[in-house]
Each structure stands twice: as structure tokens, then as C-alpha cells.
């Protein structure tokens, strides 16, 4: 069993077996403001968590991808779309032996900040 304190080390060691084209979390360029490294999560895992807990991410549930009639119960919100993109992207990253955490962080954040009809 992996202890809480060894989780980050385990993840970083697992990344060593990724494709040579994969980005490794320990080689992250960092953040605009310096911050202490998390003993449990990698930089890319922290990014995922920050996106999921961001107000802008939660607001995606109120935005639709296309204009629909109010009677239609089969519409896609930007949140639904983002979750679908994230699942597909992570599967592709796994198949190509790339960094799944980075891929998920990118896909979760891809719609944040878009203007109406900006996608």
C-alpha cells in the first residue's frame, strides 16, 4: 500500500515510464507566483484540483454549447462538454503513454474564460 507521503514520489516514478514525448510533472516550469511543492500531489494534479474547485469551472453548468429551445431536455452544457472532452483526452493520453494528469488539467480548463459563442 502506498502511504500518503509517498504518493507524489510514486506518481513521479511512474512518470519515468511514460513516452519520451510526455511532459513530466517534476519538469514543470512552475507557477507565476512561487509556492511550496505539495508533498502529496504533483504540480499537474494541483492544477486539476484548482480548476475543478474554481468558480469559473462551476459556472460552466449554466452555459450551453448551442442555443436550444427551453423544452428540449437533450442539450449539452459547457460543463458536460468539458467532462466529455476530459474523458476522451485522458483515454488518448493513456493510449499514447503520455501524462494523463497534465492532459486532464488542460482539457478541464480548455473552456474557462470563453465569451458567449466563443467556442
PDB file of N, CA and C in Angstrom:
ATOM      1  N   UNK A   1       0.846  -1.188   0.000  1.00  0.00           N
ATOM      2  CA  UNK A   1       0.000   0.000   0.000  1.00  0.00           C
ATOM      3  C   UNK A   1       0.887   1.246   0.000  1.00  0.00           C
ATOM      4  N   UNK A   2       0.456   2.243  -0.739  1.00  0.00           N
ATOM      5  CA  UNK A   2       1.219   3.482  -0.849  1.00  0.00           C
ATOM      6  C   UNK A   2       0.806   4.418   0.280  1.00  0.00           C
ATOM      7  N   UNK A   3       1.769   4.888   1.034  1.00  0.00           N
ATOM      8  CA  UNK A   3       1.441   5.820   2.111  1.00  0.00           C
ATOM      9  C   UNK A   3       1.185   7.201   1.529  1.00  0.00           C
ATOM     10  N   UNK A   4       0.510   8.006   2.302  1.00  0.00           N
ATOM     11  CA  UNK A   4       0.153   9.354   1.869  1.00  0.00           C
ATOM     12  C   UNK A   4       1.394  10.144   1.469  1.00  0.00           C
ATOM     13  N   UNK A   5       2.468  10.021   2.213  1.00  0.00           N
ATOM     14  CA  UNK A   5       3.667  10.805   1.961  1.00  0.00           C
ATOM     15  C   UNK A   5       4.466  10.302   0.766  1.00  0.00           C
ATOM     16  N   UNK A   6       4.243   9.058   0.362  1.00  0.00           N
ATOM     17  CA  UNK A   6       4.965   8.522  -0.781  1.00  0.00           C
ATOM     18  C   UNK A   6       4.172   8.614  -2.081  1.00  0.00           C
ATOM     19  N   UNK A   7       2.963   9.135  -2.030  1.00  0.00           N
ATOM     20  CA  UNK A   7       2.106   9.186  -3.209  1.00  0.00           C
ATOM     21  C   UNK A   7       2.725  10.019  -4.324  1.00  0.00           C
ATOM     22  N   UNK A   8       3.238  11.189  -3.993  1.00  0.00           N
ATOM     23  CA  UNK A   8       3.852  12.037  -5.011  1.00  0.00           C
ATOM     24  C   UNK A   8       5.071  11.344  -5.614  1.00  0.00           C
ATOM     25  N   UNK A   9       5.900  10.758  -4.774  1.00  0.00           N
ATOM     26  CA  UNK A   9       7.096  10.058  -5.251  1.00  0.00           C
ATOM     27  C   UNK A   9       6.693   8.907  -6.174  1.00  0.00           C
ATOM     28  N   UNK A  10       5.667   8.168  -5.792  1.00  0.00           N
ATOM     29  CA  UNK A  10       5.167   7.062  -6.610  1.00  0.00           C
ATOM     30  C   UNK A  10       4.717   7.568  -7.980  1.00  0.00           C
ATOM     31  N   UNK A  11       3.974   8.671  -7.994  1.00  0.00           N
ATOM     32  CA  UNK A  11       3.491   9.241  -9.253  1.00  0.00           C
ATOM     33  C   UNK A  11       4.651   9.685 -10.124  1.00  0.00           C
ATOM     34  N   UNK A  12       5.627  10.359  -9.536  1.00  0.00           N
ATOM     35  CA  UNK A  12       6.773  10.824 -10.312  1.00  0.00           C
ATOM     36  C   UNK A  12       7.604   9.653 -10.839  1.00  0.00           C
ATOM     37  N   UNK A  13       7.733   8.590 -10.061  1.00  0.00           N
ATOM     38  CA  UNK A  13       8.459   7.409 -10.537  1.00  0.00           C
ATOM     39  C   UNK A  13       7.704   6.740 -11.685  1.00  0.00           C
ATOM     40  N   UNK A  14       6.389   6.706 -11.581  1.00  0.00           N
ATOM     41  CA  UNK A  14       5.560   6.126 -12.640  1.00  0.00           C
ATOM     42  C   UNK A  14       5.715   6.918 -13.940  1.00  0.00           C
ATOM     43  N   UNK A  15       5.889   8.236 -13.814  1.00  0.00           N
ATOM     44  CA  UNK A  15       6.051   9.088 -14.993  1.00  0.00           C
ATOM     45  C   UNK A  15       7.317   8.756 -15.774  1.00  0.00           C
ATOM     46  N   UNK A  16       8.295   8.153 -15.118  1.00  0.00           N
ATOM     47  CA  UNK A  16       9.546   7.813 -15.801  1.00  0.00           C
ATOM     48  C   UNK A  16       9.327   6.783 -16.900  1.00  0.00           C
ATOM     49  N   UNK A  17       8.245   6.024 -16.817  1.00  0.00           N
ATOM     50  CA  UNK A  17       7.962   5.016 -17.840  1.00  0.00           C
ATOM     51  C   UNK A  17       7.100   5.559 -18.979  1.00  0.00           C
ATOM     52  N   UNK A  18       6.776   6.848 -18.930  1.00  0.00           N
ATOM     53  CA  UNK A  18       5.968   7.450 -19.995  1.00  0.00           C
ATOM     54  C   UNK A  18       6.783   7.604 -21.271  1.00  0.00           C
ATOM     55  N   UNK A  19       6.088   7.905 -22.331  1.00  0.00           N
ATOM     56  CA  UNK A  19       6.724   8.143 -23.628  1.00  0.00           C
ATOM     57  C   UNK A  19       7.773   9.247 -23.505  1.00  0.00           C
ATOM     58  N   UNK A  20       8.828   9.199 -24.315  1.00  0.00           N
ATOM     59  CA  UNK A  20       9.818  10.286 -24.307  1.00  0.00           C
ATOM     60  C   UNK A  20       9.196  11.638 -24.676  1.00  0.00           C
ATOM     61  N   UNK A  21       8.049  11.609 -25.345  1.00  0.00           N
ATOM     62  CA  UNK A  21       7.357  12.843 -25.726  1.00  0.00           C
ATOM     63  C   UNK A  21       6.470  13.397 -24.614  1.00  0.00           C
ATOM     64  N   UNK A  22       6.305  12.650 -23.547  1.00  0.00           N
ATOM     65  CA  UNK A  22       5.423  13.070 -22.456  1.00  0.00           C
ATOM     66  C   UNK A  22       6.092  14.131 -21.590  1.00  0.00           C
ATOM     67  N   UNK A  23       5.278  15.049 -21.074  1.00  0.00           N
ATOM     68  CA  UNK A  23       5.765  16.051 -20.119  1.00  0.00           C
ATOM     69  C   UNK A  23       5.746  15.445 -18.727  1.00  0.00           C
ATOM     70  N   UNK A  24       6.822  15.588 -18.023  1.00  0.00           N
ATOM     71  CA  UNK A  24       6.925  15.072 -16.659  1.00  0.00           C
ATOM     72  C   UNK A  24       6.591  16.196 -15.679  1.00  0.00           C
ATOM     73  N   UNK A  25       5.837  15.881 -14.644  1.00  0.00           N
ATOM     74  CA  UNK A  25       5.425  16.911 -13.690  1.00  0.00           C
ATOM     75  C   UNK A  25       6.615  17.520 -12.958  1.00  0.00           C
ATOM     76  N   UNK A  26       7.645  16.744 -12.707  1.00  0.00           N
ATOM     77  CA  UNK A  26       8.802  17.295 -11.997  1.00  0.00           C
ATOM     78  C   UNK A  26       9.572  18.300 -12.856  1.00  0.00           C
ATOM     79  N   UNK A  27       9.305  18.319 -14.163  1.00  0.00           N
ATOM     80  CA  UNK A  27       9.946  19.284 -15.060  1.00  0.00           C
ATOM     81  C   UNK A  27       9.038  20.476 -15.363  1.00  0.00           C
ATOM     82  N   UNK A  28       7.957  20.603 -14.596  1.00  0.00           N
ATOM     83  CA  UNK A  28       7.048  21.733 -14.772  1.00  0.00           C
ATOM     84  C   UNK A  28       7.815  23.044 -14.626  1.00  0.00           C
ATOM     85  N   UNK A  29       7.440  24.031 -15.404  1.00  0.00           N
ATOM     86  CA  UNK A  29       8.115  25.336 -15.342  1.00  0.00           C
ATOM     87  C   UNK A  29       7.695  26.144 -14.119  1.00  0.00           C
ATOM     88  N   UNK A  30       6.799  25.604 -13.338  1.00  0.00           N
ATOM     89  CA  UNK A  30       6.383  26.298 -12.126  1.00  0.00           C
ATOM     90  C   UNK A  30       5.183  27.193 -12.347  1.00  0.00           C
ATOM     91  N   UNK A  31       4.977  28.080 -11.434  1.00  0.00           N
ATOM     92  CA  UNK A  31       3.817  28.966 -11.446  1.00  0.00           C
ATOM     93  C   UNK A  31       4.284  30.409 -11.436  1.00  0.00           C
ATOM     94  N   UNK A  32       3.411  31.344 -11.841  1.00  0.00           N
ATOM     95  CA  UNK A  32       3.814  32.760 -11.836  1.00  0.00           C
ATOM     96  C   UNK A  32       4.264  33.244 -10.462  1.00  0.00           C
ATOM     97  N   UNK A  33       3.592  32.751  -9.422  1.00  0.00           N
ATOM     98  CA  UNK A  33       3.989  33.086  -8.055  1.00  0.00           C
ATOM     99  C   UNK A  33       4.602  31.855  -7.408  1.00  0.00           C
ATOM    100  N   UNK A  34       5.744  32.034  -6.759  1.00  0.00           N
ATOM    101  CA  UNK A  34       6.382  30.867  -6.121  1.00  0.00           C
ATOM    102  C   UNK A  34       5.470  30.240  -5.068  1.00  0.00           C
ATOM    103  N   UNK A  35       5.503  28.925  -4.996  1.00  0.00           N
ATOM    104  CA  UNK A  35       4.731  28.207  -3.986  1.00  0.00           C
ATOM    105  C   UNK A  35       5.497  26.959  -3.568  1.00  0.00           C
ATOM    106  N   UNK A  36       5.251  26.556  -2.349  1.00  0.00           N
ATOM    107  CA  UNK A  36       5.899  25.355  -1.828  1.00  0.00           C
ATOM    108  C   UNK A  36       5.347  24.134  -2.562  1.00  0.00           C
ATOM    109  N   UNK A  37       6.194  23.173  -2.888  1.00  0.00           N
ATOM    110  CA  UNK A  37       5.678  21.949  -3.506  1.00  0.00           C
ATOM    111  C   UNK A  37       4.787  21.186  -2.537  1.00  0.00           C
ATOM    112  N   UNK A  38       3.760  20.597  -3.062  1.00  0.00           N
ATOM    113  CA  UNK A  38       2.859  19.781  -2.249  1.00  0.00           C
ATOM    114  C   UNK A  38       3.519  18.425  -2.007  1.00  0.00           C
ATOM    115  N   UNK A  39       3.505  17.937  -0.776  1.00  0.00           N
ATOM    116  CA  UNK A  39       4.142  16.645  -0.509  1.00  0.00           C
ATOM    117  C   UNK A  39       3.355  15.458  -1.074  1.00  0.00           C
ATOM    118  N   UNK A  40       2.112  15.684  -1.459  1.00  0.00           N
ATOM    119  CA  UNK A  40       1.250  14.590  -1.901  1.00  0.00           C
ATOM    120  C   UNK A  40       0.995  14.624  -3.408  1.00  0.00           C
ATOM    121  N   UNK A  41       0.694  15.803  -3.940  1.00  0.00           N
ATOM    122  CA  UNK A  41       0.295  15.917  -5.345  1.00  0.00           C
ATOM    123  C   UNK A  41       1.393  16.547  -6.188  1.00  0.00           C
ATOM    124  N   UNK A  42       1.430  16.164  -7.450  1.00  0.00           N
ATOM    125  CA  UNK A  42       2.348  16.793  -8.394  1.00  0.00           C
ATOM    126  C   UNK A  42       1.762  18.140  -8.812  1.00  0.00           C
ATOM    127  N   UNK A  43       2.548  18.933  -9.514  1.00  0.00           N
ATOM    128  CA  UNK A  43       2.080  20.248  -9.974  1.00  0.00           C
ATOM    129  C   UNK A  43       0.853  20.106 -10.869  1.00  0.00           C
ATOM    130  N   UNK A  44       0.850  19.106 -11.744  1.00  0.00           N
ATOM    131  CA  UNK A  44      -0.279  18.927 -12.658  1.00  0.00           C
ATOM    132  C   UNK A  44      -1.529  18.453 -11.916  1.00  0.00           C
ATOM    133  N   UNK A  45      -1.374  17.657 -10.875  1.00  0.00           N
ATOM    134  CA  UNK A  45      -2.520  17.242 -10.070  1.00  0.00           C
ATOM    135  C   UNK A  45      -3.098  18.429  -9.305  1.00  0.00           C
ATOM    136  N   UNK A  46      -2.245  19.312  -8.840  1.00  0.00           N
ATOM    137  CA  UNK A  46      -2.724  20.529  -8.164  1.00  0.00           C
ATOM    138  C   UNK A  46      -3.504  21.397  -9.143  1.00  0.00           C
ATOM    139  N   UNK A  47      -3.012  21.476 -10.383  1.00  0.00           N
ATOM    140  CA  UNK A  47      -3.727  22.248 -11.402  1.00  0.00           C
ATOM    141  C   UNK A  47      -5.128  21.681 -11.621  1.00  0.00           C
ATOM    142  N   UNK A  48      -5.237  20.365 -11.730  1.00  0.00           N
ATOM    143  CA  UNK A  48      -6.541  19.721 -11.888  1.00  0.00           C
ATOM    144  C   UNK A  48      -7.475  20.133 -10.752  1.00  0.00           C
ATOM    145  N   UNK A  49      -6.992  20.011  -9.535  1.00  0.00           N
ATOM    146  CA  UNK A  49      -7.816  20.331  -8.371  1.00  0.00           C
ATOM    147  C   UNK A  49      -8.230  21.796  -8.359  1.00  0.00           C
ATOM    148  N   UNK A  50      -7.320  22.673  -8.702  1.00  0.00           N
ATOM    149  CA  UNK A  50      -7.645  24.103  -8.717  1.00  0.00           C
ATOM    150  C   UNK A  50      -8.720  24.411  -9.748  1.00  0.00           C
ATOM    151  N   UNK A  51      -8.641  23.773 -10.896  1.00  0.00           N
ATOM    152  CA  UNK A  51      -9.645  24.005 -11.933  1.00  0.00           C
ATOM    153  C   UNK A  51     -11.000  23.490 -11.472  1.00  0.00           C
ATOM    154  N   UNK A  52     -11.053  22.278 -10.962  1.00  0.00           N
ATOM    155  CA  UNK A  52     -12.324  21.679 -10.547  1.00  0.00           C
ATOM    156  C   UNK A  52     -12.995  22.488  -9.441  1.00  0.00           C
ATOM    157  N   UNK A  53     -12.210  23.095  -8.562  1.00  0.00           N
ATOM    158  CA  UNK A  53     -12.781  23.860  -7.451  1.00  0.00           C
ATOM    159  C   UNK A  53     -12.963  25.342  -7.773  1.00  0.00           C
ATOM    160  N   UNK A  54     -12.645  25.752  -8.983  1.00  0.00           N
ATOM    161  CA  UNK A  54     -12.770  27.160  -9.368  1.00  0.00           C
ATOM    162  C   UNK A  54     -14.227  27.516  -9.660  1.00  0.00           C
ATOM    163  N   UNK A  55     -14.604  28.729  -9.296  1.00  0.00           N
ATOM    164  CA  UNK A  55     -15.965  29.198  -9.579  1.00  0.00           C
ATOM    165  C   UNK A  55     -16.236  29.210 -11.077  1.00  0.00           C
ATOM    166  N   UNK A  56     -15.238  29.582 -11.864  1.00  0.00           N
ATOM    167  CA  UNK A  56     -15.411  29.628 -13.318  1.00  0.00           C
ATOM    168  C   UNK A  56     -15.753  28.243 -13.872  1.00  0.00           C
ATOM    169  N   UNK A  57     -15.186  27.208 -13.305  1.00  0.00           N
ATOM    170  CA  UNK A  57     -15.489  25.845 -13.754  1.00  0.00           C
ATOM    171  C   UNK A  57     -16.934  25.488 -13.409  1.00  0.00           C
ATOM    172  N   UNK A  58     -17.371  25.815 -12.205  1.00  0.00           N
ATOM    173  CA  UNK A  58     -18.748  25.507 -11.797  1.00  0.00           C
ATOM    174  C   UNK A  58     -19.769  26.278 -12.626  1.00  0.00           C
ATOM    175  N   UNK A  59     -19.390  27.466 -13.081  1.00  0.00           N
ATOM    176  CA  UNK A  59     -20.315  28.260 -13.902  1.00  0.00           C
ATOM    177  C   UNK A  59     -20.563  27.637 -15.271  1.00  0.00           C
ATOM    178  N   UNK A  60     -19.712  26.724 -15.693  1.00  0.00           N
ATOM    179  CA  UNK A  60     -19.902  26.080 -16.995  1.00  0.00           C
ATOM    180  C   UNK A  60     -21.227  25.328 -17.071  1.00  0.00           C
ATOM    181  N   UNK A  61     -21.781  24.928 -15.921  1.00  0.00           N
ATOM    182  CA  UNK A  61     -23.042  24.179 -15.945  1.00  0.00           C
ATOM    183  C   UNK A  61     -24.217  25.050 -16.388  1.00  0.00           C
ATOM    184  N   UNK A  62     -24.050  26.373 -16.356  1.00  0.00           N
ATOM    185  CA  UNK A  62     -25.131  27.274 -16.750  1.00  0.00           C
ATOM    186  C   UNK A  62     -24.994  27.762 -18.189  1.00  0.00           C
ATOM    187  N   UNK A  63     -23.966  27.307 -18.900  1.00  0.00           N
ATOM    188  CA  UNK A  63     -23.729  27.760 -20.272  1.00  0.00           C
ATOM    189  C   UNK A  63     -23.922  26.592 -21.224  1.00  0.00           C
ATOM    190  N   UNK A  64     -24.674  26.852 -22.294  1.00  0.00           N
ATOM    191  CA  UNK A  64     -24.889  25.796 -23.274  1.00  0.00           C
ATOM    192  C   UNK A  64     -23.901  25.935 -24.417  1.00  0.00           C
ATOM    193  N   UNK A  65     -23.690  24.841 -25.108  1.00  0.00           N
ATOM    194  CA  UNK A  65     -22.798  24.851 -26.263  1.00  0.00           C
ATOM    195  C   UNK A  65     -23.463  25.533 -27.452  1.00  0.00           C
ATOM    196  N   UNK A  66     -24.764  25.340 -27.607  1.00  0.00           N
ATOM    197  CA  UNK A  66     -25.518  25.946 -28.708  1.00  0.00           C
ATOM    198  C   UNK A  66     -26.849  26.439 -28.159  1.00  0.00           C
ATOM    199  N   UNK A  67     -27.501  27.312 -28.891  1.00  0.00           N
ATOM    200  CA  UNK A  67     -28.806  27.807 -28.471  1.00  0.00           C
ATOM    201  C   UNK A  67     -29.828  26.695 -28.657  1.00  0.00           C
ATOM    202  N   UNK A  68     -30.648  26.480 -27.658  1.00  0.00           N
ATOM    203  CA  UNK A  68     -31.659  25.426 -27.724  1.00  0.00           C
ATOM    204  C   UNK A  68     -32.997  25.967 -27.238  1.00  0.00           C
ATOM    205  N   UNK A  69     -34.059  25.246 -27.545  1.00  0.00           N
ATOM    206  CA  UNK A  69     -35.366  25.636 -27.040  1.00  0.00           C
ATOM    207  C   UNK A  69     -35.483  25.166 -25.595  1.00  0.00           C
ATOM    208  N   UNK A  70     -36.203  25.902 -24.768  1.00  0.00           N
ATOM    209  CA  UNK A  70     -36.305  25.530 -23.358  1.00  0.00           C
ATOM    210  C   UNK A  70     -36.997  24.183 -23.127  1.00  0.00           C
ATOM    211  N   UNK A  71     -37.745  23.685 -24.120  1.00  0.00           N
ATOM    212  CA  UNK A  71     -38.456  22.424 -23.945  1.00  0.00           C
ATOM    213  C   UNK A  71     -37.563  21.207 -24.178  1.00  0.00           C
ATOM    214  N   UNK A  72     -36.434  21.414 -24.786  1.00  0.00           N
ATOM    215  CA  UNK A  72     -35.539  20.305 -25.113  1.00  0.00           C
ATOM    216  C   UNK A  72     -34.771  19.865 -23.871  1.00  0.00           C
ATOM    217  N   UNK A  73     -34.885  18.593 -23.524  1.00  0.00           N
ATOM    218  CA  UNK A  73     -34.146  18.109 -22.359  1.00  0.00           C
ATOM    219  C   UNK A  73     -32.842  17.419 -22.751  1.00  0.00           C
ATOM    220  N   UNK A  74     -32.496  17.451 -24.035  1.00  0.00           N
ATOM    221  CA  UNK A  74     -31.262  16.822 -24.515  1.00  0.00           C
ATOM    222  C   UNK A  74     -30.306  17.887 -25.024  1.00  0.00           C
ATOM    223  N   UNK A  75     -29.823  18.704 -24.132  1.00  0.00           N
ATOM    224  CA  UNK A  75     -28.861  19.723 -24.525  1.00  0.00           C
ATOM    225  C   UNK A  75     -27.565  19.506 -23.759  1.00  0.00           C
ATOM    226  N   UNK A  76     -26.525  20.084 -24.287  1.00  0.00           N
ATOM    227  CA  UNK A  76     -25.200  19.912 -23.708  1.00  0.00           C
ATOM    228  C   UNK A  76     -24.732  21.239 -23.133  1.00  0.00           C
ATOM    229  N   UNK A  77     -24.391  21.239 -21.866  1.00  0.00           N
ATOM    230  CA  UNK A  77     -23.812  22.433 -21.269  1.00  0.00           C
ATOM    231  C   UNK A  77     -22.311  22.406 -21.512  1.00  0.00           C
ATOM    232  N   UNK A  78     -21.673  23.523 -21.288  1.00  0.00           N
ATOM    233  CA  UNK A  78     -20.215  23.539 -21.433  1.00  0.00           C
ATOM    234  C   UNK A  78     -19.553  22.639 -20.392  1.00  0.00           C
ATOM    235  N   UNK A  79     -20.186  22.480 -19.247  1.00  0.00           N
ATOM    236  CA  UNK A  79     -19.631  21.572 -18.240  1.00  0.00           C
ATOM    237  C   UNK A  79     -19.683  20.131 -18.744  1.00  0.00           C
ATOM    238  N   UNK A  80     -20.840  19.720 -19.281  1.00  0.00           N
ATOM    239  CA  UNK A  80     -20.957  18.371 -19.838  1.00  0.00           C
ATOM    240  C   UNK A  80     -19.928  18.162 -20.936  1.00  0.00           C
ATOM    241  N   UNK A  81     -19.833  19.124 -21.834  1.00  0.00           N
ATOM    242  CA  UNK A  81     -18.859  19.061 -22.931  1.00  0.00           C
ATOM    243  C   UNK A  81     -17.438  18.928 -22.385  1.00  0.00           C
ATOM    244  N   UNK A  82     -17.100  19.728 -21.383  1.00  0.00           N
ATOM    245  CA  UNK A  82     -15.752  19.704 -20.812  1.00  0.00           C
ATOM    246  C   UNK A  82     -15.443  18.350 -20.184  1.00  0.00           C
ATOM    247  N   UNK A  83     -16.402  17.774 -19.473  1.00  0.00           N
ATOM    248  CA  UNK A  83     -16.188  16.458 -18.867  1.00  0.00           C
ATOM    249  C   UNK A  83     -16.019  15.374 -19.932  1.00  0.00           C
ATOM    250  N   UNK A  84     -16.783  15.487 -21.025  1.00  0.00           N
ATOM    251  CA  UNK A  84     -16.630  14.529 -22.123  1.00  0.00           C
ATOM    252  C   UNK A  84     -15.260  14.672 -22.784  1.00  0.00           C
ATOM    253  N   UNK A  85     -14.837  15.916 -23.019  1.00  0.00           N
ATOM    254  CA  UNK A  85     -13.514  16.161 -23.602  1.00  0.00           C
ATOM    255  C   UNK A  85     -12.432  15.594 -22.695  1.00  0.00           C
ATOM    256  N   UNK A  86     -12.572  15.811 -21.398  1.00  0.00           N
ATOM    257  CA  UNK A  86     -11.582  15.336 -20.438  1.00  0.00           C
ATOM    258  C   UNK A  86     -11.461  13.817 -20.468  1.00  0.00           C
ATOM    259  N   UNK A  87     -12.586  13.132 -20.518  1.00  0.00           N
ATOM    260  CA  UNK A  87     -12.565  11.663 -20.539  1.00  0.00           C
ATOM    261  C   UNK A  87     -11.910  11.152 -21.814  1.00  0.00           C
ATOM    262  N   UNK A  88     -12.264  11.731 -22.951  1.00  0.00           N
ATOM    263  CA  UNK A  88     -11.680  11.305 -24.228  1.00  0.00           C
ATOM    264  C   UNK A  88     -10.183  11.611 -24.260  1.00  0.00           C
ATOM    265  N   UNK A  89      -9.814  12.807 -23.811  1.00  0.00           N
ATOM    266  CA  UNK A  89      -8.401  13.207 -23.826  1.00  0.00           C
ATOM    267  C   UNK A  89      -7.560  12.299 -22.931  1.00  0.00           C
ATOM    268  N   UNK A  90      -8.097  11.966 -21.774  1.00  0.00           N
ATOM    269  CA  UNK A  90      -7.347  11.098 -20.856  1.00  0.00           C
ATOM    270  C   UNK A  90      -7.159   9.701 -21.455  1.00  0.00           C
ATOM    271  N   UNK A  91      -8.175   9.192 -22.130  1.00  0.00           N
ATOM    272  CA  UNK A  91      -8.064   7.886 -22.783  1.00  0.00           C
ATOM    273  C   UNK A  91      -7.009   7.916 -23.883  1.00  0.00           C
ATOM    274  N   UNK A  92      -6.987   8.983 -24.664  1.00  0.00           N
ATOM    275  CA  UNK A  92      -5.979   9.122 -25.718  1.00  0.00           C
ATOM    276  C   UNK A  92      -4.585   9.217 -25.104  1.00  0.00           C
ATOM    277  N   UNK A  93      -4.449  10.008 -24.041  1.00  0.00           N
ATOM    278  CA  UNK A  93      -3.149  10.137 -23.371  1.00  0.00           C
ATOM    279  C   UNK A  93      -2.669   8.786 -22.852  1.00  0.00           C
ATOM    280  N   UNK A  94      -3.579   8.011 -22.295  1.00  0.00           N
ATOM    281  CA  UNK A  94      -3.216   6.679 -21.794  1.00  0.00           C
ATOM    282  C   UNK A  94      -2.756   5.784 -22.946  1.00  0.00           C
ATOM    283  N   UNK A  95      -3.467   5.832 -24.068  1.00  0.00           N
ATOM    284  CA  UNK A  95      -3.109   5.003 -25.226  1.00  0.00           C
ATOM    285  C   UNK A  95      -1.750   5.394 -25.799  1.00  0.00           C
ATOM    286  N   UNK A  96      -1.411   6.686 -25.737  1.00  0.00           N
ATOM    287  CA  UNK A  96      -0.142   7.173 -26.279  1.00  0.00           C
ATOM    288  C   UNK A  96       0.969   7.207 -25.232  1.00  0.00           C
ATOM    289  N   UNK A  97       0.648   6.773 -24.017  1.00  0.00           N
ATOM    290  CA  UNK A  97       1.603   6.746 -22.907  1.00  0.00           C
ATOM    291  C   UNK A  97       2.122   8.149 -22.570  1.00  0.00           C
ATOM    292  N   UNK A  98       1.191   9.108 -22.538  1.00  0.00           N
ATOM    293  CA  UNK A  98       1.509  10.487 -22.185  1.00  0.00           C
ATOM    294  C   UNK A  98       1.047  10.759 -20.760  1.00  0.00           C
ATOM    295  N   UNK A  99       1.291  11.956 -20.265  1.00  0.00           N
ATOM    296  CA  UNK A  99       0.953  12.317 -18.892  1.00  0.00           C
ATOM    297  C   UNK A  99      -0.554  12.573 -18.786  1.00  0.00           C
ATOM    298  N   UNK A 100      -1.258  11.651 -18.155  1.00  0.00           N
ATOM    299  CA  UNK A 100      -2.711  11.756 -18.037  1.00  0.00           C
ATOM    300  C   UNK A 100      -3.137  12.925 -17.154  1.00  0.00           C
ATOM    301  N   UNK A 101      -2.386  13.208 -16.107  1.00  0.00           N
ATOM    302  CA  UNK A 101      -2.745  14.315 -15.215  1.00  0.00           C
ATOM    303  C   UNK A 101      -2.655  15.651 -15.943  1.00  0.00           C
ATOM    304  N   UNK A 102      -1.602  15.862 -16.704  1.00  0.00           N
ATOM    305  CA  UNK A 102      -1.466  17.098 -17.475  1.00  0.00           C
ATOM    306  C   UNK A 102      -2.567  17.188 -18.521  1.00  0.00           C
ATOM    307  N   UNK A 103      -2.832  16.096 -19.202  1.00  0.00           N
ATOM    308  CA  UNK A 103      -3.876  16.071 -20.226  1.00  0.00           C
ATOM    309  C   UNK A 103      -5.229  16.422 -19.629  1.00  0.00           C
ATOM    310  N   UNK A 104      -5.520  15.870 -18.469  1.00  0.00           N
ATOM    311  CA  UNK A 104      -6.802  16.162 -17.834  1.00  0.00           C
ATOM    312  C   UNK A 104      -6.883  17.618 -17.389  1.00  0.00           C
ATOM    313  N   UNK A 105      -5.821  18.151 -16.836  1.00  0.00           N
ATOM    314  CA  UNK A 105      -5.828  19.557 -16.416  1.00  0.00           C
ATOM    315  C   UNK A 105      -6.074  20.471 -17.617  1.00  0.00           C
ATOM    316  N   UNK A 106      -5.411  20.193 -18.730  1.00  0.00           N
ATOM    317  CA  UNK A 106      -5.592  21.008 -19.933  1.00  0.00           C
ATOM    318  C   UNK A 106      -7.026  20.899 -20.437  1.00  0.00           C
ATOM    319  N   UNK A 107      -7.551  19.690 -20.500  1.00  0.00           N
ATOM    320  CA  UNK A 107      -8.900  19.513 -21.037  1.00  0.00           C
ATOM    321  C   UNK A 107      -9.963  20.105 -20.113  1.00  0.00           C
ATOM    322  N   UNK A 108      -9.763  20.032 -18.801  1.00  0.00           N
ATOM    323  CA  UNK A 108     -10.731  20.630 -17.875  1.00  0.00           C
ATOM    324  C   UNK A 108     -10.738  22.152 -17.979  1.00  0.00           C
ATOM    325  N   UNK A 109      -9.606  22.735 -18.289  1.00  0.00           N
ATOM    326  CA  UNK A 109      -9.518  24.193 -18.358  1.00  0.00           C
ATOM    327  C   UNK A 109      -9.747  24.778 -19.734  1.00  0.00           C
ATOM    328  N   UNK A 110      -9.977  23.934 -20.730  1.00  0.00           N
ATOM    329  CA  UNK A 110      -9.999  24.441 -22.106  1.00  0.00           C
ATOM    330  C   UNK A 110     -11.151  25.392 -22.402  1.00  0.00           C
ATOM    331  N   UNK A 111     -12.237  25.343 -21.673  1.00  0.00           N
ATOM    332  CA  UNK A 111     -13.389  26.216 -21.931  1.00  0.00           C
ATOM    333  C   UNK A 111     -13.491  27.386 -20.958  1.00  0.00           C
ATOM    334  N   UNK A 112     -12.616  27.455 -19.983  1.00  0.00           N
ATOM    335  CA  UNK A 112     -12.710  28.531 -18.990  1.00  0.00           C
ATOM    336  C   UNK A 112     -12.377  29.868 -19.629  1.00  0.00           C
ATOM    337  N   UNK A 113     -13.218  30.853 -19.364  1.00  0.00           N
ATOM    338  CA  UNK A 113     -12.960  32.201 -19.851  1.00  0.00           C
ATOM    339  C   UNK A 113     -13.470  32.489 -21.249  1.00  0.00           C
ATOM    340  N   UNK A 114     -14.123  31.520 -21.884  1.00  0.00           N
ATOM    341  CA  UNK A 114     -14.656  31.779 -23.226  1.00  0.00           C
ATOM    342  C   UNK A 114     -15.818  32.765 -23.151  1.00  0.00           C
ATOM    343  N   UNK A 115     -15.890  33.611 -24.139  1.00  0.00           N
ATOM    344  CA  UNK A 115     -17.017  34.535 -24.247  1.00  0.00           C
ATOM    345  C   UNK A 115     -18.217  33.781 -24.813  1.00  0.00           C
ATOM    346  N   UNK A 116     -19.429  34.354 -24.711  1.00  0.00           N
ATOM    347  CA  UNK A 116     -20.581  33.695 -25.334  1.00  0.00           C
ATOM    348  C   UNK A 116     -20.322  33.469 -26.824  1.00  0.00           C
ATOM    349  N   UNK A 117     -20.668  32.327 -27.299  1.00  0.00           N
ATOM    350  CA  UNK A 117     -20.460  31.904 -28.693  1.00  0.00           C
ATOM    351  C   UNK A 117     -18.987  31.922 -29.067  1.00  0.00           C
ATOM    352  N   UNK A 118     -18.108  31.842 -28.074  1.00  0.00           N
ATOM    353  CA  UNK A 118     -16.672  31.917 -28.323  1.00  0.00           C
ATOM    354  C   UNK A 118     -16.011  30.571 -28.527  1.00  0.00           C
ATOM    355  N   UNK A 119     -16.790  29.529 -28.587  1.00  0.00           N
ATOM    356  CA  UNK A 119     -16.198  28.189 -28.743  1.00  0.00           C
ATOM    357  C   UNK A 119     -16.440  27.671 -30.140  1.00  0.00           C
TER     358      UNK A 119
END
